[in-house]
Protein backbone atom coordinates (compact mmCIF):
# COMPACT_ATOMS: atom_id res chain seq x y z
CA MET A 1 14.63 11.99 30.10
CA ALA A 2 15.11 15.56 28.95
CA THR A 3 17.80 15.40 26.49
CA ASN A 4 19.97 18.15 25.31
CA ASN A 5 18.55 19.77 22.34
CA VAL A 6 22.01 19.63 20.56
CA LEU A 7 22.00 15.82 20.64
CA PRO A 8 19.82 13.78 18.27
CA PRO A 9 16.72 12.29 20.06
CA ASN A 10 17.58 9.56 22.49
CA ASN A 11 16.66 8.18 25.98
CA ILE A 12 19.58 6.53 27.64
CA GLU A 13 17.68 5.34 30.66
CA ALA A 14 15.16 3.46 28.44
CA GLU A 15 18.06 1.76 26.64
CA GLU A 16 19.73 0.73 30.10
CA ALA A 17 16.44 -0.34 31.48
CA VAL A 18 15.92 -2.79 28.43
CA LEU A 19 19.25 -4.34 28.74
CA GLY A 20 18.92 -4.71 32.70
CA SER A 21 15.49 -6.11 32.32
CA LEU A 22 16.58 -8.61 29.65
CA MET A 23 19.40 -9.78 32.00
CA ILE A 24 16.97 -10.31 34.87
CA ASP A 25 14.42 -12.10 32.74
CA PRO A 26 15.80 -13.57 29.33
CA SER A 27 12.66 -15.09 28.50
CA GLU A 28 11.58 -11.58 27.27
CA ILE A 29 14.39 -11.55 24.56
CA ARG A 30 11.76 -12.90 21.98
CA ASN A 31 9.48 -10.45 22.71
CA VAL A 32 11.59 -7.54 22.59
CA SER A 33 13.38 -8.60 19.49
CA THR A 34 10.27 -8.05 17.31
CA VAL A 35 10.39 -4.37 18.70
CA ILE A 36 14.10 -3.31 18.18
CA THR A 37 17.40 -4.28 16.86
CA ALA A 38 20.94 -3.25 18.20
CA THR A 39 20.97 -0.51 15.58
CA ASP A 40 18.23 1.23 17.42
CA PHE A 41 20.35 1.95 20.45
CA TYR A 42 21.84 5.60 20.58
CA ILE A 43 24.89 4.54 22.74
CA LEU A 44 26.92 1.99 20.78
CA ARG A 45 27.99 0.00 23.67
CA ASN A 46 24.29 -0.62 24.56
CA GLY A 47 23.78 -1.96 21.19
CA TRP A 48 26.71 -4.47 21.41
CA ILE A 49 25.47 -5.71 24.76
CA PHE A 50 22.01 -6.09 23.33
CA GLU A 51 23.78 -8.17 20.51
CA ALA A 52 25.37 -10.19 23.22
CA ILE A 53 22.05 -10.78 25.16
CA VAL A 54 20.23 -12.04 21.89
CA GLU A 55 22.90 -14.25 21.09
CA CYS A 56 22.91 -15.87 24.70
CA GLY A 57 19.12 -16.39 24.38
CA ASP A 58 17.44 -17.90 27.46
CA SER A 59 20.91 -18.54 29.05
CA ALA A 60 21.55 -14.91 29.18
CA ASP A 61 23.13 -13.97 32.49
CA LEU A 62 25.95 -11.86 33.87
CA MET A 63 28.59 -14.50 33.08
CA THR A 64 27.48 -15.79 29.54
CA ILE A 65 26.87 -12.06 28.50
CA SER A 66 30.29 -11.16 29.78
CA GLU A 67 31.82 -14.13 27.96
CA ALA A 68 29.90 -13.19 24.57
CA LEU A 69 31.32 -9.74 24.56
CA THR A 70 34.89 -11.07 25.55
CA ARG A 71 34.76 -13.30 22.43
CA LYS A 72 34.35 -9.92 20.41
CA ASN A 73 37.04 -7.99 22.38
CA ARG A 74 34.26 -5.72 23.57
CA LEU A 75 33.92 -6.30 27.22
CA ASP A 76 36.46 -3.65 28.32
CA ASP A 77 34.96 -1.01 25.63
CA VAL A 78 31.39 -1.42 27.32
CA GLY A 79 32.53 -0.80 30.84
CA ASN A 80 33.57 -4.36 31.90
CA VAL A 81 31.15 -6.19 34.29
CA GLY A 82 30.91 -3.29 36.36
CA TYR A 83 28.49 -1.56 33.85
CA LEU A 84 26.41 -4.63 33.40
CA THR A 85 26.08 -5.12 37.14
CA GLN A 86 25.06 -1.31 37.25
CA ILE A 87 22.38 -1.35 34.76
CA MET A 88 20.95 -4.50 36.18
CA ALA A 89 20.53 -3.15 39.66
CA ALA A 90 18.92 0.04 38.22
CA VAL A 91 16.02 -1.96 37.09
CA VAL A 92 12.74 -1.52 38.98
CA TYR A 93 10.35 -3.81 37.21
CA ALA A 94 11.64 -6.02 34.41
CA GLY A 95 8.11 -6.73 33.23
CA ASN A 96 8.00 -3.30 31.58
CA VAL A 97 10.55 -4.17 29.25
CA ARG A 98 8.43 -4.04 26.03
CA SER A 99 7.37 -0.57 26.96
CA TYR A 100 11.04 0.46 27.33
CA ALA A 101 11.90 -0.96 24.00
CA GLU A 102 9.18 1.02 22.44
CA ILE A 103 10.68 4.05 23.78
CA VAL A 104 14.06 3.18 22.40
CA ARG A 105 12.50 2.44 18.88
CA GLU A 106 10.53 5.73 18.97
CA ARG A 107 13.65 7.71 19.57
CA SER A 108 15.50 5.56 16.96
CA GLN A 109 12.68 6.38 14.39
CA ARG A 110 13.19 10.17 15.09
CA ARG A 111 16.77 9.98 14.66
CA LYS A 112 16.04 8.57 11.27
CA MET A 113 13.58 11.35 10.19
CA LEU A 114 16.32 13.47 11.37
CA GLN A 115 18.69 12.01 9.04
CA ALA A 116 16.16 11.92 6.07
CA GLY A 117 15.54 15.79 6.74
CA GLN A 118 19.55 16.30 6.39
CA LEU A 119 19.47 14.05 3.11
CA ALA A 120 16.86 16.45 1.71
CA ALA A 121 18.88 19.35 2.73
CA LYS A 122 22.03 18.05 1.22
CA GLY A 123 20.18 17.05 -2.04
CA ALA A 124 18.49 20.66 -2.40
CA TYR A 125 22.01 22.10 -2.22
CA ASN A 126 23.21 19.65 -4.99
CA LEU A 127 22.47 21.39 -8.07
CA GLU A 128 24.07 18.40 -10.25
CA GLN A 129 21.45 15.99 -8.94
CA SER A 130 17.80 16.13 -10.30
CA VAL A 131 15.22 17.11 -8.00
CA GLN A 132 13.34 13.68 -8.79
CA VAL A 133 16.18 11.73 -7.74
CA THR A 134 16.58 13.80 -4.49
CA LEU A 135 12.99 13.37 -3.66
CA ALA A 136 13.28 9.66 -4.41
CA GLU A 137 16.09 9.38 -2.13
CA VAL A 138 14.30 11.27 0.68
CA ALA A 139 11.14 9.16 0.03
CA ASN A 140 12.98 5.93 0.35
CA ALA A 141 14.59 7.16 3.61
CA ILE A 142 11.21 8.11 5.03
CA ASN A 143 9.70 4.87 3.95
CA GLY A 144 12.59 3.00 5.86
CA VAL A 145 11.28 4.68 9.09
CA TYR A 146 7.69 3.52 8.45
CA SER A 147 8.99 -0.19 8.08
CA GLU A 148 12.03 -0.44 10.22
CA ALA A 149 10.13 -2.10 13.14
CA LYS A 150 9.22 -5.00 10.89
CA THR A 151 12.78 -6.09 9.83
CA THR A 152 13.45 -8.51 12.66
CA GLY A 153 10.34 -10.69 11.90
CA VAL A 154 8.55 -12.67 14.62
CA THR A 155 9.11 -16.11 15.88
CA PHE A 156 6.58 -18.77 16.48
CA LEU A 157 6.49 -18.19 20.17
CA ALA A 158 6.15 -14.40 19.80
CA ALA A 159 3.50 -14.70 17.33
CA GLN A 160 1.43 -17.42 19.09
CA ASP A 161 -1.45 -15.54 20.35
CA SER A 162 -1.97 -13.12 17.21
CA ILE A 163 -1.87 -16.39 15.00
CA ALA A 164 -4.38 -18.27 17.18
CA GLU A 165 -6.61 -15.14 16.83
CA PHE A 166 -6.10 -15.33 13.11
CA LEU A 167 -6.83 -18.86 12.83
CA ASN A 168 -10.15 -18.64 14.98
CA ASP A 169 -11.34 -15.71 13.20
CA ASP A 170 -14.37 -16.79 11.21
CA SER A 171 -15.58 -13.36 10.08
CA PRO A 172 -16.01 -12.76 6.27
CA ARG A 173 -13.05 -11.26 4.39
CA HIS A 174 -13.69 -8.00 2.80
CA HIS A 175 -14.29 -7.18 -0.79
CA ILE A 176 -15.35 -4.40 -3.25
CA PRO A 177 -17.90 -5.28 -5.85
CA ILE A 178 -16.92 -5.20 -9.21
CA GLY A 179 -20.57 -4.55 -10.41
CA ILE A 180 -20.76 -7.64 -12.62
CA ASP A 181 -22.89 -9.78 -10.47
CA LYS A 182 -21.88 -13.22 -11.69
CA ALA A 183 -18.32 -12.25 -11.39
CA ASP A 184 -18.87 -10.74 -7.83
CA GLU A 185 -20.75 -14.08 -6.97
CA ILE A 186 -18.00 -16.31 -8.10
CA LEU A 187 -15.24 -13.99 -6.50
CA LYS A 188 -17.27 -14.06 -3.09
CA GLY A 189 -17.93 -10.36 -3.16
CA GLY A 190 -15.59 -9.06 -5.77
CA PHE A 191 -12.04 -7.63 -5.51
CA LEU A 192 -10.23 -8.61 -2.27
CA ILE A 193 -9.25 -5.77 0.12
CA GLY A 194 -5.68 -5.95 0.63
CA SER A 195 -4.75 -7.65 -2.73
CA TYR A 196 -3.00 -6.22 -5.76
CA VAL A 197 -5.10 -6.75 -8.92
CA ILE A 198 -4.28 -6.05 -12.53
CA LEU A 199 -7.01 -5.17 -14.80
CA GLY A 200 -6.09 -5.41 -18.57
CA GLY A 201 -7.67 -4.31 -21.72
CA SER A 202 -7.13 -2.89 -25.05
CA PRO A 203 -8.30 0.75 -25.77
CA GLY A 204 -11.90 1.03 -25.70
CA SER A 205 -12.42 -2.24 -23.66
CA GLY A 206 -13.88 -0.49 -20.68
CA LYS A 207 -11.03 -0.58 -18.04
CA THR A 208 -11.83 3.08 -16.90
CA ILE A 209 -15.44 2.16 -16.80
CA ALA A 210 -14.81 -0.69 -14.67
CA ALA A 211 -12.55 1.09 -12.42
CA THR A 212 -14.83 4.01 -11.85
CA GLN A 213 -17.49 1.30 -11.17
CA VAL A 214 -15.32 -0.32 -8.52
CA LEU A 215 -14.65 3.13 -7.09
CA TYR A 216 -18.25 4.00 -6.82
CA ASN A 217 -19.17 0.63 -5.27
CA ALA A 218 -16.43 1.24 -2.66
CA MET A 219 -16.93 5.11 -1.89
CA ILE A 220 -20.90 4.75 -1.77
CA ASN A 221 -20.39 2.20 1.13
CA GLY A 222 -18.25 4.51 3.03
CA SER A 223 -14.68 3.28 2.09
CA ARG A 224 -11.83 6.00 1.63
CA CYS A 225 -10.46 5.72 -1.83
CA ILE A 226 -7.93 7.21 -3.97
CA TYR A 227 -8.17 7.43 -7.83
CA TYR A 228 -4.83 8.25 -9.83
CA SER A 229 -5.77 9.23 -13.23
CA PHE A 230 -2.71 9.64 -15.47
CA GLU A 231 -4.80 9.57 -18.58
CA VAL A 232 -7.95 11.70 -18.25
CA PRO A 233 -8.48 14.71 -15.92
CA ARG A 234 -10.23 14.78 -12.98
CA SER A 235 -13.61 16.22 -14.46
CA ALA A 236 -13.95 13.28 -16.63
CA ILE A 237 -13.83 10.87 -13.62
CA ILE A 238 -16.30 12.73 -11.73
CA ALA A 239 -18.61 13.15 -14.70
CA ARG A 240 -18.44 9.13 -14.77
CA LEU A 241 -19.09 8.95 -11.17
CA ILE A 242 -22.17 11.27 -11.72
CA SER A 243 -23.57 9.47 -14.59
CA HIS A 244 -23.11 6.15 -12.66
CA HIS A 245 -24.76 7.45 -9.62
CA ILE A 246 -27.89 8.84 -11.52
CA ALA A 247 -28.33 5.42 -13.33
CA ARG A 248 -27.82 3.41 -10.00
CA THR A 249 -30.26 5.68 -7.97
CA GLY A 250 -33.16 5.06 -10.52
CA GLY A 251 -33.11 8.60 -12.20
CA LYS A 252 -33.47 9.27 -15.91
CA PRO A 253 -29.91 8.49 -17.41
CA VAL A 254 -27.70 11.36 -18.35
CA PRO A 255 -25.11 10.04 -20.86
CA TYR A 256 -21.52 10.45 -19.94
CA GLY A 257 -20.86 12.10 -23.25
CA ALA A 258 -23.34 14.84 -22.90
CA MET A 259 -21.81 15.95 -19.74
CA ILE A 260 -18.32 15.95 -21.17
CA ASP A 261 -19.50 17.55 -24.35
CA ARG A 262 -21.56 20.26 -22.50
CA ARG A 263 -24.73 19.55 -24.47
CA MET A 264 -26.98 18.77 -21.69
CA THR A 265 -30.90 19.62 -21.51
CA ASN A 266 -32.14 21.68 -18.59
CA GLU A 267 -33.50 18.64 -17.08
CA GLN A 268 -30.11 16.89 -17.51
CA ARG A 269 -28.21 19.64 -15.90
CA ASN A 270 -30.47 19.84 -13.08
CA ALA A 271 -30.09 15.87 -12.48
CA VAL A 272 -26.50 16.29 -12.58
CA ASN A 273 -26.30 19.03 -9.93
CA ILE A 274 -28.45 17.03 -7.72
CA ALA A 275 -26.41 14.01 -8.10
CA TRP A 276 -23.20 15.88 -7.44
CA LEU A 277 -24.45 17.31 -4.32
CA GLU A 278 -25.71 13.92 -3.06
CA LEU A 279 -22.21 12.36 -3.73
CA VAL A 280 -20.56 15.08 -2.02
CA ASP A 281 -22.74 15.01 1.04
CA LYS A 282 -22.11 11.21 1.21
CA VAL A 283 -18.44 10.90 0.32
CA ARG A 284 -16.86 14.30 1.52
CA ASP A 285 -13.26 13.80 2.21
CA ASN A 286 -13.17 10.10 1.84
CA VAL A 287 -12.21 10.15 -1.93
CA MET A 288 -9.39 11.82 -3.61
CA ILE A 289 -8.64 12.02 -7.31
CA ASN A 290 -5.20 12.95 -8.41
CA ASP A 291 -4.93 13.57 -12.16
CA ALA A 292 -1.28 14.43 -12.26
CA ALA A 293 0.31 13.68 -15.66
CA THR A 294 2.57 11.14 -14.11
CA MET A 295 4.15 9.97 -10.90
CA THR A 296 7.00 7.65 -9.99
CA PRO A 297 6.15 4.79 -7.47
CA ALA A 298 7.93 6.69 -4.43
CA GLN A 299 5.79 9.69 -5.29
CA LEU A 300 2.41 7.62 -5.38
CA THR A 301 3.49 5.78 -2.16
CA ASN A 302 3.90 8.75 -0.36
CA SER A 303 0.75 10.44 -1.47
CA ALA A 304 -1.23 7.48 -0.69
CA ILE A 305 0.35 7.17 2.84
CA ALA A 306 -0.46 10.80 3.50
CA PHE A 307 -4.04 10.21 2.61
CA ALA A 308 -4.27 6.94 4.48
CA ILE A 309 -2.83 8.35 7.77
CA LYS A 310 -5.99 10.53 8.04
CA GLY A 311 -8.33 7.53 8.49
CA GLY A 312 -7.17 4.63 6.39
CA CYS A 313 -7.80 3.72 2.64
CA ASP A 314 -9.47 0.52 1.45
CA LEU A 315 -9.06 1.29 -2.42
CA VAL A 316 -6.15 2.76 -4.66
CA VAL A 317 -6.73 2.79 -8.39
CA VAL A 318 -3.74 3.48 -10.88
CA ASP A 319 -5.21 4.35 -14.25
CA GLN A 320 -2.86 3.36 -15.83
CA LEU A 321 0.74 1.92 -14.70
CA HIS A 322 1.99 2.52 -18.23
CA HIS A 323 1.51 6.09 -17.69
CA MET A 324 3.92 6.21 -14.48
CA SER A 325 7.60 7.05 -14.73
CA ASP A 326 10.57 5.39 -13.00
CA ASP A 327 13.51 6.68 -10.97
CA ASP A 328 15.83 4.64 -12.84
CA LYS A 329 16.41 6.62 -16.16
CA LYS A 330 18.51 3.94 -17.71
CA SER A 331 15.85 1.18 -17.62
CA ASP A 332 14.09 0.12 -20.89
CA THR A 333 10.33 0.03 -21.03
CA LYS A 334 10.04 -3.62 -19.98
CA GLN A 335 12.22 -3.07 -16.97
CA ARG A 336 10.33 0.33 -16.11
CA ILE A 337 6.90 -1.54 -16.06
CA SER A 338 8.56 -4.20 -13.98
CA ASN A 339 9.90 -1.91 -11.26
CA ILE A 340 6.56 -0.14 -11.29
CA SER A 341 4.49 -3.02 -11.03
CA ARG A 342 6.89 -4.41 -8.14
CA GLU A 343 6.44 -1.03 -6.26
CA LEU A 344 2.77 -0.99 -6.70
CA SER A 345 2.63 -4.74 -5.26
CA ARG A 346 4.20 -3.48 -2.06
CA LEU A 347 2.02 -0.57 -1.94
CA GLY A 348 -0.63 -2.02 0.41
CA LYS A 349 1.80 -3.47 3.03
CA ARG A 350 3.59 -0.18 3.24
CA ILE A 351 0.38 1.75 3.79
CA HIS A 352 -0.38 -0.59 6.61
CA GLU A 353 3.11 -0.35 8.19
CA ALA A 354 2.92 3.50 7.84
CA THR A 355 -0.66 3.80 9.24
CA GLN A 356 -1.58 0.67 11.13
CA HIS A 357 -4.89 0.76 9.12
CA ARG A 358 -5.67 -2.45 6.99
CA ALA A 359 -3.82 -2.76 3.69
CA PRO A 360 -6.05 -1.49 0.74
CA LEU A 361 -7.16 -3.04 -2.55
CA VAL A 362 -4.63 -1.79 -5.21
CA LEU A 363 -6.33 -1.86 -8.64
CA ALA A 364 -3.94 -0.90 -11.54
CA LEU A 365 -5.09 -0.69 -15.22
CA ALA A 366 -2.74 -2.10 -17.75
CA ARG A 367 -2.80 -2.05 -21.43
CA LEU A 368 -2.64 -5.00 -23.59
CA ASN A 369 -0.34 -5.57 -26.63
CA ARG A 370 -2.24 -4.94 -29.98
CA VAL A 371 -2.78 -8.51 -31.04
CA GLY A 372 -5.67 -10.19 -32.39
CA TYR A 373 -6.55 -12.41 -29.16
CA ALA A 374 -10.22 -13.43 -29.14
CA ALA A 375 -9.64 -14.16 -25.40
CA PRO A 376 -6.24 -12.62 -24.13
CA ASP A 377 -3.90 -14.58 -21.69
CA MET A 378 -1.39 -13.20 -19.49
CA SER A 379 1.32 -12.96 -22.09
CA ALA A 380 -1.08 -10.24 -23.77
CA LEU A 381 -0.25 -7.71 -21.10
CA LYS A 382 2.00 -5.06 -22.92
CA GLU A 383 5.65 -4.98 -21.86
CA SER A 384 4.39 -7.16 -19.05
CA GLY A 385 7.75 -7.85 -17.50
CA ASP A 386 7.34 -9.31 -14.08
CA ILE A 387 3.62 -8.19 -13.70
CA GLU A 388 2.49 -11.79 -13.89
CA SER A 389 4.27 -12.65 -10.58
CA ASP A 390 3.64 -9.71 -8.93
CA ALA A 391 -0.26 -9.37 -9.06
CA GLU A 392 -2.48 -11.70 -6.90
CA MET A 393 -5.26 -11.37 -9.55
CA ILE A 394 -5.04 -10.65 -13.18
CA ALA A 395 -8.33 -9.91 -15.01
CA PHE A 396 -9.16 -8.93 -18.57
CA LEU A 397 -11.89 -7.10 -20.26
CA TYR A 398 -12.27 -7.58 -24.16
CA ARG A 399 -14.89 -7.02 -26.67
CA ASP A 400 -16.33 -9.60 -28.96
CA THR A 401 -14.86 -8.46 -32.22
CA ASP A 402 -17.69 -10.12 -34.36
CA LYS A 403 -20.25 -7.73 -32.47
CA ALA A 404 -18.17 -4.56 -31.72
CA THR A 405 -19.87 -1.35 -32.81
CA ALA A 406 -18.51 2.11 -33.80
CA ASP A 407 -21.03 3.79 -31.74
CA PRO A 408 -19.67 4.60 -28.04
CA THR A 409 -23.07 5.15 -26.73
CA ALA A 410 -24.28 1.57 -27.55
CA ALA A 411 -24.37 -1.23 -25.21
CA THR A 412 -21.53 -3.38 -26.34
CA PRO A 413 -21.17 -7.05 -25.60
CA ILE A 414 -17.78 -7.73 -23.81
CA PHE A 415 -16.10 -10.30 -21.70
CA PHE A 416 -14.69 -10.49 -18.16
CA LYS A 417 -12.10 -12.97 -17.73
CA VAL A 418 -9.86 -13.90 -14.59
CA ALA A 419 -6.66 -15.39 -15.83
CA LYS A 420 -4.77 -15.61 -12.23
CA ASN A 421 -6.21 -15.53 -8.95
CA ARG A 422 -4.23 -16.44 -5.79
CA ASN A 423 -7.26 -16.04 -3.50
CA GLY A 424 -9.85 -18.05 -5.33
CA PRO A 425 -11.38 -19.19 -8.51
CA THR A 426 -9.32 -18.67 -11.67
CA ASP A 427 -9.43 -19.11 -15.20
CA PHE A 428 -13.10 -18.21 -16.09
CA ALA A 429 -14.63 -15.94 -18.36
CA LEU A 430 -18.16 -14.21 -18.32
CA ASN A 431 -20.41 -12.53 -20.79
CA ALA A 432 -20.91 -8.84 -19.81
CA LEU A 433 -22.48 -5.76 -21.06
CA MET A 434 -20.60 -2.22 -21.50
CA MET A 435 -23.10 0.44 -21.54
CA GLY A 436 -20.84 3.42 -22.23
CA SER A 437 -23.38 6.02 -22.24
CA ILE A 438 -24.09 5.57 -18.47
CA ASN A 439 -20.74 4.44 -17.54
CA ARG A 440 -21.55 0.96 -16.53
CA ILE A 441 -20.44 -2.59 -16.82
CA GLY A 442 -23.18 -5.32 -16.01
CA ASP A 443 -24.25 -8.74 -16.80
CA ALA A 444 -25.30 -9.64 -20.23
CA LYS A 445 -28.94 -9.98 -20.58
């Protein structure tokens, strides 16, 4: 239907076709209810009729729907029985009802997009409101458009086929290797794609080395990845990846520190340039590194969705969550971290809903309290708030304090510990070796 450009997007014929089809074949109510709700109808009376049809369920017909509308004093307002009869008679084929419902939903989403734009315009002119608050409000409105079709849930009957497919799917679950072989073996391949993982550690414990190692393992196998680095510049992350790549491909190691301090030999500089060109050729546009000083959860969510829309995303690294900011200016540090962690735990699902690609692994680095734990537990997470309950896995990297060395280039014995894991083995610790000079954590000899 060609609509008047002055009016918000709508398709009245599709709305009436949905209602008429459901009155003819009430068995489709469950199917359609997973696509739209009464609020998706542009014409108010059509939304009322849809509510009445859903209320009547399998017994929905002209008489029961009229009675349901009468109980709410709405029958005369919708046009009485005459309107109900009219929309039933106009249906050509009730079997297309889901397609009609998807048209109704699409127009509803466009109206919500329009409302988000109006909200942005109103906020732009409101000089008493901060830009960050306005951007957060607009981001929340847009995120609502992404997920609105999911709010109705799915009944057992409507989900019958998809659940049967899930139960009979014996394909392996997808993981991203950590690079510590024993840990990858115990965890059946590494960190699980689609999960929210917290990797905690004190300064110098190797969190960023581990995170860039996971990034390398993902991107070198063709995965699309995002790395949010709020602590070190983009160049430092890339230097770590280059150093790691040279070591992994059998080249003569080039220390990470030599690249950062610009004290490479000509041989090393040549090796670095070759490694960088190899990575660019392999990865191309599949990896984004964002080194903003800070971001709010809403800003990070929108950034990640914009990247994932172009072809999916298997990994999002947040380095580290304590450097993120919160939209709630009145919250204390503990509440701020709780708010950030809660939003990060929802990031994978929001990316999936917005793009229809699978949810990524969200790997967030976190600080530990400066306490003398030989083997930290979850209480050691700094200002932990609700992190413990949000994450599906919590792992720690920590040094053997008796064998620690002040030399950052020396191989340092460390431990990798999994304190929580909803999807597999938990409460185990492994010996590992941090080779800071080549940006790698591996198994202890």
